[in-house]
Amino acid sequence: MRIGELAARTGVSVRALRYYGEQNLLAPERSASGQRHYPDSAVERVRLIQQLYAAGLPSKSISDLLPCVVDGRATPELLERLSAERDRIDSRIGDLVGARDRLDAVIGAAGANLRTGRSCRPG
C-alpha cells in the first residue's frame, strides 16, 4: 500500500510516517519511481509505534524494542531498559488513576452541591 493509504488506515499523518522512516521505525520498500510502498503488516506496526509513543517512549527506545517484538531478539541490556520503561509506565498509570479518582471526587461533590443548590465556590 502507498503512504497515503497507510496514513488513512492508521489515522497517522503522512508526515509522521515519513518521520518513522527517518527514525528507522518503519521501513517502506521503494518503487522504481521512488514511491514508498508498505506491506499490510505496517498497519499493526504503526499502531504499536503510536502506543509506545503515547506511553512516553522515545524513538531510540522504540527502535531498539522493535526487533524484539518482530522476531524475539533481545539482549540482557535491552530487557533491563524495557523493564525500566515498564516500571515508569506503571508509575504513570498510578498517577493517572490518582488524578482520575480526584476528579471523580470533585464531580461527585459538585453533583451533590447541584442537587442541594449549594455552590462549588469557596466562601
C-alpha atoms as a PDB file:
ATOM      1  CA  MET A   1       0.000   0.000   0.000  1.00  0.00           C
ATOM      2  CA  ARG A   2       1.131   3.558  -0.575  1.00  0.00           C
ATOM      3  CA  ILE A   3       1.864   6.030   2.196  1.00  0.00           C
ATOM      4  CA  GLY A   4      -1.482   7.834   1.862  1.00  0.00           C
ATOM      5  CA  GLU A   5      -3.409   4.599   2.320  1.00  0.00           C
ATOM      6  CA  LEU A   6      -1.320   3.654   5.352  1.00  0.00           C
ATOM      7  CA  ALA A   7      -1.981   7.098   6.808  1.00  0.00           C
ATOM      8  CA  ALA A   8      -5.719   6.680   6.236  1.00  0.00           C
ATOM      9  CA  ARG A   9      -5.820   3.174   7.711  1.00  0.00           C
ATOM     10  CA  THR A  10      -3.890   4.153  10.845  1.00  0.00           C
ATOM     11  CA  GLY A  11      -5.021   7.739  11.416  1.00  0.00           C
ATOM     12  CA  VAL A  12      -1.390   8.859  11.377  1.00  0.00           C
ATOM     13  CA  SER A  13      -0.265  11.721   9.169  1.00  0.00           C
ATOM     14  CA  VAL A  14       1.898  11.144   6.109  1.00  0.00           C
ATOM     15  CA  ARG A  15       4.459  13.422   7.724  1.00  0.00           C
ATOM     16  CA  ALA A  16       4.576  11.210  10.835  1.00  0.00           C
ATOM     17  CA  LEU A  17       5.015   8.097   8.678  1.00  0.00           C
ATOM     18  CA  ARG A  18       7.945   9.742   6.908  1.00  0.00           C
ATOM     19  CA  TYR A  19       9.417  10.603  10.308  1.00  0.00           C
ATOM     20  CA  TYR A  20       9.052   6.966  11.390  1.00  0.00           C
ATOM     21  CA  GLY A  21      11.060   6.027   8.323  1.00  0.00           C
ATOM     22  CA  GLU A  22      13.765   8.579   9.184  1.00  0.00           C
ATOM     23  CA  GLN A  23      13.952   7.124  12.700  1.00  0.00           C
ATOM     24  CA  ASN A  24      14.220   3.538  11.358  1.00  0.00           C
ATOM     25  CA  LEU A  25      10.914   2.605  12.962  1.00  0.00           C
ATOM     26  CA  LEU A  26       9.198   1.796   9.683  1.00  0.00           C
ATOM     27  CA  ALA A  27      10.939   0.670   6.502  1.00  0.00           C
ATOM     28  CA  PRO A  28       8.991   1.024   3.284  1.00  0.00           C
ATOM     29  CA  GLU A  29      10.060  -0.517   0.035  1.00  0.00           C
ATOM     30  CA  ARG A  30      10.572   1.891  -2.839  1.00  0.00           C
ATOM     31  CA  SER A  31       9.120   1.601  -6.310  1.00  0.00           C
ATOM     32  CA  ALA A  32      11.215   2.341  -9.386  1.00  0.00           C
ATOM     33  CA  SER A  33       9.831   5.892  -9.288  1.00  0.00           C
ATOM     34  CA  GLY A  34      10.772   6.275  -5.602  1.00  0.00           C
ATOM     35  CA  GLN A  35       7.295   5.955  -4.097  1.00  0.00           C
ATOM     36  CA  ARG A  36       7.006   4.339  -0.684  1.00  0.00           C
ATOM     37  CA  HIS A  37       5.139   1.039  -0.510  1.00  0.00           C
ATOM     38  CA  TYR A  38       4.219  -0.721   2.740  1.00  0.00           C
ATOM     39  CA  PRO A  39       3.089  -4.273   3.459  1.00  0.00           C
ATOM     40  CA  ASP A  40      -0.244  -4.839   5.225  1.00  0.00           C
ATOM     41  CA  SER A  41       1.718  -5.623   8.405  1.00  0.00           C
ATOM     42  CA  ALA A  42       2.759  -1.955   8.541  1.00  0.00           C
ATOM     43  CA  VAL A  43      -0.692  -1.074   9.905  1.00  0.00           C
ATOM     44  CA  GLU A  44      -0.107  -3.047  13.106  1.00  0.00           C
ATOM     45  CA  ARG A  45       3.469  -1.782  13.369  1.00  0.00           C
ATOM     46  CA  VAL A  46       2.305   1.851  13.141  1.00  0.00           C
ATOM     47  CA  ARG A  47      -0.306   1.178  15.839  1.00  0.00           C
ATOM     48  CA  LEU A  48       2.404  -0.293  18.072  1.00  0.00           C
ATOM     49  CA  ILE A  49       4.659   2.711  17.449  1.00  0.00           C
ATOM     50  CA  GLN A  50       1.781   5.027  18.352  1.00  0.00           C
ATOM     51  CA  GLN A  51       1.087   3.124  21.576  1.00  0.00           C
ATOM     52  CA  LEU A  52       4.728   3.272  22.582  1.00  0.00           C
ATOM     53  CA  TYR A  53       4.955   6.999  21.822  1.00  0.00           C
ATOM     54  CA  ALA A  54       1.752   7.570  23.818  1.00  0.00           C
ATOM     55  CA  ALA A  55       3.367   5.703  26.723  1.00  0.00           C
ATOM     56  CA  GLY A  56       6.249   8.171  26.601  1.00  0.00           C
ATOM     57  CA  LEU A  57       8.949   6.060  24.976  1.00  0.00           C
ATOM     58  CA  PRO A  58      11.401   7.989  22.804  1.00  0.00           C
ATOM     59  CA  SER A  59      12.203   6.999  19.215  1.00  0.00           C
ATOM     60  CA  LYS A  60      15.508   5.414  20.221  1.00  0.00           C
ATOM     61  CA  SER A  61      13.841   3.097  22.740  1.00  0.00           C
ATOM     62  CA  ILE A  62      11.150   2.179  20.238  1.00  0.00           C
ATOM     63  CA  SER A  63      13.771   1.478  17.569  1.00  0.00           C
ATOM     64  CA  ASP A  64      15.663  -0.764  19.972  1.00  0.00           C
ATOM     65  CA  LEU A  65      12.474  -2.551  21.007  1.00  0.00           C
ATOM     66  CA  LEU A  66      11.074  -3.350  17.560  1.00  0.00           C
ATOM     67  CA  PRO A  67      13.443  -6.241  16.709  1.00  0.00           C
ATOM     68  CA  CYS A  68      12.408  -7.864  19.978  1.00  0.00           C
ATOM     69  CA  VAL A  69       8.744  -7.523  19.028  1.00  0.00           C
ATOM     70  CA  VAL A  70       9.255  -8.718  15.452  1.00  0.00           C
ATOM     71  CA  ASP A  71      11.489 -11.741  15.981  1.00  0.00           C
ATOM     72  CA  GLY A  72      12.184 -12.047  19.702  1.00  0.00           C
ATOM     73  CA  ARG A  73      15.779 -10.784  19.553  1.00  0.00           C
ATOM     74  CA  ALA A  74      16.857  -9.065  22.779  1.00  0.00           C
ATOM     75  CA  THR A  75      19.976  -8.515  24.829  1.00  0.00           C
ATOM     76  CA  PRO A  76      20.080  -8.512  28.630  1.00  0.00           C
ATOM     77  CA  GLU A  77      20.692  -4.759  28.483  1.00  0.00           C
ATOM     78  CA  LEU A  78      17.645  -4.214  26.301  1.00  0.00           C
ATOM     79  CA  LEU A  79      15.492  -6.307  28.612  1.00  0.00           C
ATOM     80  CA  GLU A  80      16.698  -4.224  31.549  1.00  0.00           C
ATOM     81  CA  ARG A  81      15.813  -0.992  29.713  1.00  0.00           C
ATOM     82  CA  LEU A  82      12.424  -2.361  28.751  1.00  0.00           C
ATOM     83  CA  SER A  83      11.748  -3.363  32.351  1.00  0.00           C
ATOM     84  CA  ALA A  84      12.645   0.160  33.462  1.00  0.00           C
ATOM     85  CA  GLU A  85      10.278   1.608  30.844  1.00  0.00           C
ATOM     86  CA  ARG A  86       7.523  -0.740  32.025  1.00  0.00           C
ATOM     87  CA  ASP A  87       8.083   0.378  35.624  1.00  0.00           C
ATOM     88  CA  ARG A  88       7.935   4.038  34.531  1.00  0.00           C
ATOM     89  CA  ILE A  89       4.661   3.353  32.696  1.00  0.00           C
ATOM     90  CA  ASP A  90       3.252   1.590  35.784  1.00  0.00           C
ATOM     91  CA  SER A  91       4.125   4.649  37.839  1.00  0.00           C
ATOM     92  CA  ARG A  92       2.413   6.917  35.315  1.00  0.00           C
ATOM     93  CA  ILE A  93      -0.658   4.700  35.369  1.00  0.00           C
ATOM     94  CA  GLY A  94      -0.763   5.033  39.154  1.00  0.00           C
ATOM     95  CA  ASP A  95      -0.512   8.824  38.864  1.00  0.00           C
ATOM     96  CA  LEU A  96      -3.289   8.887  36.262  1.00  0.00           C
ATOM     97  CA  VAL A  97      -5.550   6.679  38.380  1.00  0.00           C
ATOM     98  CA  GLY A  98      -4.961   9.044  41.309  1.00  0.00           C
ATOM     99  CA  ALA A  99      -5.873  12.049  39.148  1.00  0.00           C
ATOM    100  CA  ARG A 100      -8.995  10.268  37.890  1.00  0.00           C
ATOM    101  CA  ASP A 101     -10.031   9.436  41.458  1.00  0.00           C
ATOM    102  CA  ARG A 102      -9.650  13.084  42.477  1.00  0.00           C
ATOM    103  CA  LEU A 103     -11.751  14.162  39.503  1.00  0.00           C
ATOM    104  CA  ASP A 104     -14.388  11.609  40.463  1.00  0.00           C
ATOM    105  CA  ALA A 105     -14.459  13.092  43.976  1.00  0.00           C
ATOM    106  CA  VAL A 106     -14.838  16.630  42.615  1.00  0.00           C
ATOM    107  CA  ILE A 107     -17.542  15.526  40.185  1.00  0.00           C
ATOM    108  CA  GLY A 108     -19.368  13.704  42.963  1.00  0.00           C
ATOM    109  CA  ALA A 109     -19.179  16.705  45.302  1.00  0.00           C
ATOM    110  CA  ALA A 110     -20.215  19.123  42.566  1.00  0.00           C
ATOM    111  CA  GLY A 111     -23.158  16.887  41.626  1.00  0.00           C
ATOM    112  CA  ALA A 112     -24.257  16.743  45.262  1.00  0.00           C
ATOM    113  CA  ASN A 113     -23.987  20.521  45.501  1.00  0.00           C
ATOM    114  CA  LEU A 114     -26.114  20.931  42.377  1.00  0.00           C
ATOM    115  CA  ARG A 115     -28.789  18.687  43.842  1.00  0.00           C
ATOM    116  CA  THR A 116     -28.830  20.677  47.082  1.00  0.00           C
ATOM    117  CA  GLY A 117     -28.465  24.096  45.424  1.00  0.00           C
ATOM    118  CA  ARG A 118     -25.079  24.841  47.012  1.00  0.00           C
ATOM    119  CA  SER A 119     -22.228  26.425  45.114  1.00  0.00           C
ATOM    120  CA  CYS A 120     -18.866  24.743  44.485  1.00  0.00           C
ATOM    121  CA  ARG A 121     -17.108  28.052  45.017  1.00  0.00           C
ATOM    122  CA  PRO A 122     -15.351  28.634  48.307  1.00  0.00           C
ATOM    123  CA  GLY A 123     -16.658  31.306  50.644  1.00  0.00           C
END
